[in-house]
Amino acid sequence: MSIQYDDCLKKGRIKPFSRGKALAGKELETAESDHESGMKSLSQKNYKWATIQAYYSMFHTARALLYARNLKEHSHTCLILAIEKLYVNNGKIREEHIESLREAKGLREDADYYSRWSKESSEKLLKSAEAFIKESRKLL
């Protein structure tokens, strides 16, 4: 995993971002807004959009954590690797959150590109997104 993260740094997919700390809170607000929109989509039985919004809620939560380190991503995969390296491996974020983020990425791609989604997966992702936001807020 560290080799993959190092590769992200070398290829410029994770870069220094001097304004990161100042924008981390705003990014977490975006995550919360996406989660709220996902819950609304779920209540309207729009499971495709609930899935997509749940993923982006988690994506923006992860981005807020990266911003807090004055870093910025240029790849969804590298963002996940960075959060794992900087937060999960040292016990600041539970591993279940990175696993949920990986799952959400795959389910979002299924919904976006292959018209595959379900009520159960959108419900699960929204619960995971809420937990990820709560744990991340404590760090920020």
Protein backbone atom coordinates (compact mmCIF):
# COMPACT_ATOMS: atom_id res chain seq x y z
CA MET A 1 0.00 0.00 0.00
CA SER A 2 2.79 2.41 0.86
CA ILE A 3 4.34 1.79 -2.56
CA GLN A 4 1.04 2.75 -4.22
CA TYR A 5 0.77 5.89 -2.08
CA ASP A 6 4.37 6.80 -2.92
CA ASP A 7 3.51 6.34 -6.59
CA CYS A 8 0.61 8.77 -6.18
CA LEU A 9 3.03 11.34 -4.76
CA LYS A 10 5.57 10.78 -7.54
CA LYS A 11 2.93 11.13 -10.26
CA GLY A 12 1.48 14.30 -8.70
CA ARG A 13 -1.88 12.72 -7.90
CA ILE A 14 -1.36 13.80 -4.29
CA LYS A 15 0.16 17.27 -4.03
CA PRO A 16 0.84 19.90 -1.40
CA PHE A 17 -2.07 22.32 -1.04
CA SER A 18 -1.26 25.30 1.15
CA ARG A 19 -4.91 26.39 1.51
CA GLY A 20 -6.02 22.92 2.60
CA LYS A 21 -6.42 23.52 6.32
CA ALA A 22 -8.47 26.64 5.67
CA LEU A 23 -10.84 24.69 3.38
CA ALA A 24 -11.19 21.45 5.34
CA GLY A 25 -14.26 22.63 7.25
CA LYS A 26 -16.00 23.76 4.07
CA GLU A 27 -15.26 20.39 2.49
CA LEU A 28 -16.85 18.61 5.44
CA GLU A 29 -19.93 20.84 5.04
CA THR A 30 -20.11 19.66 1.42
CA ALA A 31 -19.95 16.07 2.66
CA GLU A 32 -22.83 16.73 5.04
CA SER A 33 -24.87 18.39 2.29
CA ASP A 34 -24.30 15.43 -0.03
CA HIS A 35 -25.37 13.07 2.75
CA GLU A 36 -28.54 15.09 3.34
CA SER A 37 -29.29 15.01 -0.40
CA GLY A 38 -28.69 11.27 -0.42
CA MET A 39 -31.15 10.77 2.41
CA LYS A 40 -33.73 12.77 0.49
CA SER A 41 -33.11 10.68 -2.63
CA LEU A 42 -33.46 7.52 -0.56
CA SER A 43 -36.80 8.69 0.84
CA GLN A 44 -37.94 9.33 -2.74
CA LYS A 45 -36.85 5.79 -3.74
CA ASN A 46 -34.26 7.22 -6.09
CA TYR A 47 -31.64 4.63 -5.18
CA LYS A 48 -29.27 5.44 -8.01
CA TRP A 49 -28.81 9.03 -6.83
CA ALA A 50 -28.78 8.02 -3.19
CA THR A 51 -25.85 5.71 -4.01
CA ILE A 52 -23.99 8.41 -5.93
CA GLN A 53 -24.62 11.04 -3.26
CA ALA A 54 -23.53 8.66 -0.50
CA TYR A 55 -20.24 8.08 -2.31
CA TYR A 56 -19.63 11.78 -2.81
CA SER A 57 -20.44 12.41 0.83
CA MET A 58 -17.67 9.98 1.72
CA PHE A 59 -15.37 11.39 -0.96
CA HIS A 60 -15.71 14.93 0.42
CA THR A 61 -15.20 13.65 3.96
CA ALA A 62 -11.96 12.01 2.87
CA ARG A 63 -10.95 15.13 1.00
CA ALA A 64 -11.53 17.21 4.15
CA LEU A 65 -9.13 14.91 6.00
CA LEU A 66 -6.56 15.29 3.25
CA TYR A 67 -7.01 19.06 3.21
CA ALA A 68 -6.37 19.09 6.94
CA ARG A 69 -2.89 17.80 6.08
CA ASN A 70 -2.46 20.54 3.45
CA LEU A 71 -2.67 17.98 0.66
CA LYS A 72 -4.93 17.71 -2.39
CA GLU A 73 -5.80 14.73 -4.58
CA HIS A 74 -6.00 14.42 -8.34
CA SER A 75 -7.30 10.85 -8.28
CA HIS A 76 -10.10 9.17 -6.36
CA THR A 77 -7.95 6.06 -5.92
CA CYS A 78 -5.03 8.09 -4.61
CA LEU A 79 -7.33 9.89 -2.18
CA ILE A 80 -8.32 6.54 -0.71
CA LEU A 81 -4.69 5.42 -0.50
CA ALA A 82 -3.73 8.70 1.19
CA ILE A 83 -6.45 8.41 3.85
CA GLU A 84 -5.40 4.84 4.52
CA LYS A 85 -1.74 5.85 4.86
CA LEU A 86 -2.27 9.07 6.85
CA TYR A 87 -5.22 8.13 9.06
CA VAL A 88 -6.03 4.42 9.10
CA ASN A 89 -2.54 3.00 9.45
CA ASN A 90 -1.90 5.06 12.59
CA GLY A 91 -5.31 4.37 14.14
CA LYS A 92 -6.83 7.85 13.78
CA ILE A 93 -9.66 6.53 11.57
CA ARG A 94 -11.12 3.04 11.82
CA GLU A 95 -10.35 0.70 8.94
CA GLU A 96 -14.06 0.11 8.35
CA HIS A 97 -14.31 3.65 6.96
CA ILE A 98 -11.72 3.08 4.26
CA GLU A 99 -13.34 -0.25 3.41
CA SER A 100 -16.72 1.51 3.12
CA LEU A 101 -15.17 4.22 0.96
CA ARG A 102 -13.71 1.61 -1.39
CA GLU A 103 -17.06 -0.19 -1.56
CA ALA A 104 -18.87 3.10 -2.16
CA LYS A 105 -16.52 3.96 -5.03
CA GLY A 106 -17.32 0.67 -6.74
CA LEU A 107 -21.06 1.00 -6.16
CA ARG A 108 -21.04 4.59 -7.43
CA GLU A 109 -19.28 3.43 -10.59
CA ASP A 110 -21.85 0.62 -10.99
CA ALA A 111 -24.69 3.14 -10.62
CA ASP A 112 -23.13 5.75 -12.91
CA TYR A 113 -21.74 3.54 -15.66
CA TYR A 114 -23.72 0.29 -15.61
CA SER A 115 -27.18 1.26 -14.27
CA ARG A 116 -26.82 -1.11 -11.31
CA TRP A 117 -27.97 -0.05 -7.86
CA SER A 118 -30.23 -1.23 -5.04
CA LYS A 119 -32.16 0.10 -2.11
CA GLU A 120 -30.08 -2.01 0.29
CA SER A 121 -26.73 -0.79 -0.96
CA SER A 122 -27.81 2.87 -0.94
CA GLU A 123 -29.09 2.51 2.64
CA LYS A 124 -25.86 0.84 3.72
CA LEU A 125 -23.69 3.49 2.07
CA LEU A 126 -25.63 6.36 3.62
CA LYS A 127 -25.20 4.83 7.08
CA SER A 128 -21.48 4.38 6.43
CA ALA A 129 -21.18 7.95 5.16
CA GLU A 130 -22.84 9.31 8.28
CA ALA A 131 -20.46 7.36 10.54
CA PHE A 132 -17.43 8.50 8.51
CA ILE A 133 -18.51 12.13 8.75
CA LYS A 134 -19.02 11.88 12.52
CA GLU A 135 -15.63 10.29 13.15
CA SER A 136 -13.85 12.73 10.83
CA ARG A 137 -15.51 15.75 12.41
CA LYS A 138 -13.88 14.79 15.72
CA LEU A 139 -10.46 14.98 14.05
CA LEU A 140 -11.12 18.27 12.32
